[in-house]
Every structure is written in structure tokens, then in C-alpha cells.
Amino acid sequence: MLTLVKIINTLNNAVLLKKYKVVIKHFNTFSLNVLKLLQQLNIIDSYLVNDTFTTCTIFLNTATNNVFFQKILCISKPHKFIYCTVADLIKLRSIDLYNDYILSINDTNHTIINIDTAIRQNKGGLLLLKVIKWVFLGVAVTALTSK
């Protein structure tokens, strides 16, 4: 969990400094699974692990550097785990429609999924990250005020 927090802090700093790639040296399979989901959500472009499994290069989207998302927050921390039931996830999604949440399901593989998939599969789990997007919010506000 601590390696995930360090990776997220590195990604947030890279977005602030408008970098296009970041090299990290401390990672594990859990954090690589989170990076895979971030890639599926188009938060990062891709990531490459070298042959000796010592460094991982994360490539950020050009849309990311044009403030596609504002920030990634770690909700669960190494000293404080936050678990959510399906009912909690439904309430959270009804309150916050624009931001994405990433959670870990307690199954045999410790699957990493986003909040919408967890609600569809009717599974709760450990709430890991919140991806704060604000471009979509501005588009929705503009669409509502133009009518």
C-alpha cells in the first residue's frame, strides 16, 4: 500500500510539472494492477516494466498534461483502510457522478476495478483511489446553463 501511495504522489507531481513520462523504482504487482486500471480509464497512456523488473516507466497522456484530470487522491492509506459495501458504493456514485473511484475486491486474485464495475458485479471492497476530473464537470455545467 505504501508503494501505491508513493506512485500516486509521483504521478500527481508529474502532472503539476507537465511531464510526459515518469520513472519509478519501487513497485509491486498490486501497484502494477492499479496502473493497468488507470491505463484502461485513460488517466495514463501506458507503462513499461524493464526486463529485470527494477524500473517502471509511466507515460502520461497529452490530455493528462492539458488537465484532463486534476488529481488522484489516496483514500485508503497504509495506516487506515476504508472498506465499502455495495450500498455504500451506490450512495457514493449517486453523490459523485463525475469522479472515478478505484477499489480492490477481496477475492482470490485481489482484483482492482472501478466503482461502476463493482456496482455492476454487486461487490464491495477496499476503496483505494479517487480520480478527480473537472473537465467533464465544466462541460456539464456549460450544457446545463446553455439551455
Protein backbone atom coordinates (compact mmCIF):
# COMPACT_ATOMS: atom_id res chain seq x y z
CA MET A 1 0.00 0.00 0.00
CA LEU A 2 2.87 2.35 0.76
CA THR A 3 4.33 1.84 -2.72
CA LEU A 4 0.95 2.75 -4.24
CA VAL A 5 0.86 5.99 -2.24
CA LYS A 6 4.37 6.86 -3.44
CA ILE A 7 3.45 6.13 -7.07
CA ILE A 8 0.30 8.28 -6.87
CA ASN A 9 2.27 11.16 -5.34
CA THR A 10 4.82 10.84 -8.14
CA LEU A 11 2.05 10.91 -10.77
CA ASN A 12 0.44 13.98 -9.20
CA ASN A 13 3.80 15.79 -9.16
CA ALA A 14 4.43 14.84 -12.78
CA VAL A 15 1.07 16.29 -13.81
CA LEU A 16 1.81 19.51 -11.91
CA LEU A 17 5.20 19.80 -13.61
CA LYS A 18 3.68 18.86 -17.01
CA LYS A 19 5.97 15.90 -17.57
CA TYR A 20 5.21 13.28 -20.19
CA LYS A 21 6.91 10.33 -18.51
CA VAL A 22 7.91 9.27 -15.02
CA VAL A 23 10.35 6.55 -13.96
CA ILE A 24 9.66 4.76 -10.68
CA LYS A 25 11.93 2.25 -8.98
CA HIS A 26 9.76 0.87 -6.19
CA PHE A 27 6.65 -1.02 -7.30
CA ASN A 28 4.92 -4.37 -6.90
CA THR A 29 2.27 -6.38 -8.73
CA PHE A 30 -0.52 -4.68 -6.76
CA SER A 31 0.59 -1.23 -7.92
CA LEU A 32 1.02 -2.53 -11.49
CA ASN A 33 -2.59 -3.74 -11.42
CA VAL A 34 -3.66 -0.25 -10.34
CA LEU A 35 -1.60 1.23 -13.20
CA LYS A 36 -3.32 -1.16 -15.60
CA LEU A 37 -6.74 0.13 -14.49
CA LEU A 38 -5.54 3.74 -14.74
CA GLN A 39 -4.50 2.95 -18.30
CA GLN A 40 -7.94 1.50 -19.06
CA LEU A 41 -9.55 4.66 -17.67
CA ASN A 42 -7.27 6.82 -19.91
CA ILE A 43 -5.61 8.51 -16.95
CA ILE A 44 -2.17 7.33 -18.07
CA ASP A 45 -1.15 6.42 -21.60
CA SER A 46 0.94 3.32 -20.85
CA TYR A 47 3.63 1.89 -18.64
CA LEU A 48 6.70 -0.24 -19.34
CA VAL A 49 8.49 -2.52 -16.90
CA ASN A 50 12.09 -3.30 -17.82
CA ASP A 51 13.35 -6.87 -18.22
CA THR A 52 14.94 -7.09 -14.79
CA PHE A 53 11.78 -5.79 -13.06
CA THR A 54 13.68 -2.93 -11.41
CA THR A 55 12.17 0.18 -13.02
CA CYS A 56 8.80 1.10 -14.43
CA THR A 57 8.33 3.98 -16.87
CA ILE A 58 4.87 5.55 -16.84
CA PHE A 59 3.87 7.58 -19.88
CA LEU A 60 1.23 10.24 -19.28
CA ASN A 61 -1.41 11.23 -21.81
CA THR A 62 -1.07 14.54 -23.55
CA ALA A 63 -4.68 15.07 -22.46
CA THR A 64 -3.48 14.45 -18.89
CA ASN A 65 -1.00 17.28 -19.18
CA ASN A 66 -3.76 19.50 -20.56
CA VAL A 67 -5.57 18.94 -17.24
CA PHE A 68 -7.80 16.03 -18.22
CA PHE A 69 -7.88 15.17 -14.54
CA GLN A 70 -6.90 17.39 -11.70
CA LYS A 71 -5.57 14.97 -9.12
CA ILE A 72 -5.56 11.41 -7.82
CA LEU A 73 -6.28 11.10 -4.10
CA CYS A 74 -5.37 8.09 -1.99
CA ILE A 75 -8.42 7.34 0.13
CA SER A 76 -7.07 4.28 1.94
CA LYS A 77 -3.64 4.74 3.43
CA PRO A 78 -1.21 2.22 4.96
CA HIS A 79 -2.47 3.04 8.47
CA LYS A 80 -6.16 3.47 7.58
CA PHE A 81 -8.13 1.12 5.32
CA ILE A 82 -11.62 2.14 4.18
CA TYR A 83 -13.95 -0.63 3.09
CA CYS A 84 -17.25 -0.02 1.31
CA THR A 85 -20.26 -2.23 0.84
CA VAL A 86 -22.29 -2.23 -2.36
CA ALA A 87 -24.89 0.03 -0.72
CA ASP A 88 -22.14 2.50 0.23
CA LEU A 89 -20.81 2.45 -3.33
CA ILE A 90 -24.27 3.15 -4.75
CA LYS A 91 -24.68 6.12 -2.38
CA LEU A 92 -21.20 7.38 -3.27
CA ARG A 93 -21.90 7.13 -7.01
CA SER A 94 -25.22 8.95 -6.63
CA ILE A 95 -23.49 11.82 -4.83
CA ASP A 96 -20.40 11.99 -7.04
CA LEU A 97 -21.19 11.25 -10.70
CA TYR A 98 -18.12 12.76 -12.37
CA ASN A 99 -15.14 11.43 -10.41
CA ASP A 100 -13.84 7.88 -10.62
CA TYR A 101 -13.13 5.60 -7.68
CA ILE A 102 -10.82 2.60 -7.76
CA LEU A 103 -11.20 -0.28 -5.35
CA SER A 104 -9.75 -3.67 -4.59
CA ILE A 105 -12.15 -6.60 -4.35
CA ASN A 106 -11.37 -9.25 -1.73
CA ASP A 107 -11.40 -12.30 -3.96
CA THR A 108 -8.63 -14.81 -4.60
CA ASN A 109 -6.91 -12.54 -7.14
CA HIS A 110 -7.42 -9.18 -5.29
CA THR A 111 -8.98 -7.72 -8.42
CA ILE A 112 -8.66 -3.95 -8.99
CA ILE A 113 -11.83 -2.42 -10.51
CA ASN A 114 -13.56 0.94 -10.70
CA ILE A 115 -16.74 1.85 -8.86
CA ASP A 116 -19.10 1.27 -11.80
CA THR A 117 -17.84 -2.27 -12.37
CA ALA A 118 -18.09 -3.01 -8.63
CA ILE A 119 -21.72 -1.88 -8.59
CA ARG A 120 -22.49 -3.96 -11.69
CA GLN A 121 -20.86 -7.03 -10.14
CA ASN A 122 -22.55 -6.34 -6.78
CA LYS A 123 -19.26 -6.43 -4.86
CA GLY A 124 -17.77 -4.15 -2.25
CA GLY A 125 -14.16 -3.84 -1.20
CA LEU A 126 -11.25 -1.67 -0.18
CA LEU A 127 -11.59 1.88 -1.52
CA LEU A 128 -8.15 2.82 -2.87
CA LEU A 129 -8.18 5.95 -5.04
CA LYS A 130 -10.32 8.82 -6.17
CA VAL A 131 -9.56 10.33 -9.59
CA ILE A 132 -10.78 13.91 -9.57
CA LYS A 133 -11.90 15.03 -13.01
CA TRP A 134 -13.10 18.54 -13.57
CA VAL A 135 -13.17 18.96 -17.35
CA PHE A 136 -16.35 16.90 -17.55
CA LEU A 137 -17.91 18.95 -14.77
CA GLY A 138 -17.27 22.16 -16.71
CA VAL A 139 -18.85 20.65 -19.82
CA ALA A 140 -21.90 19.53 -17.86
CA VAL A 141 -22.32 22.94 -16.21
CA THR A 142 -21.96 24.65 -19.58
CA ALA A 143 -24.53 22.31 -21.12
CA LEU A 144 -26.98 22.98 -18.28
CA THR A 145 -26.60 26.75 -18.36
CA SER A 146 -26.94 27.00 -22.14
CA LYS A 147 -30.46 25.52 -22.15
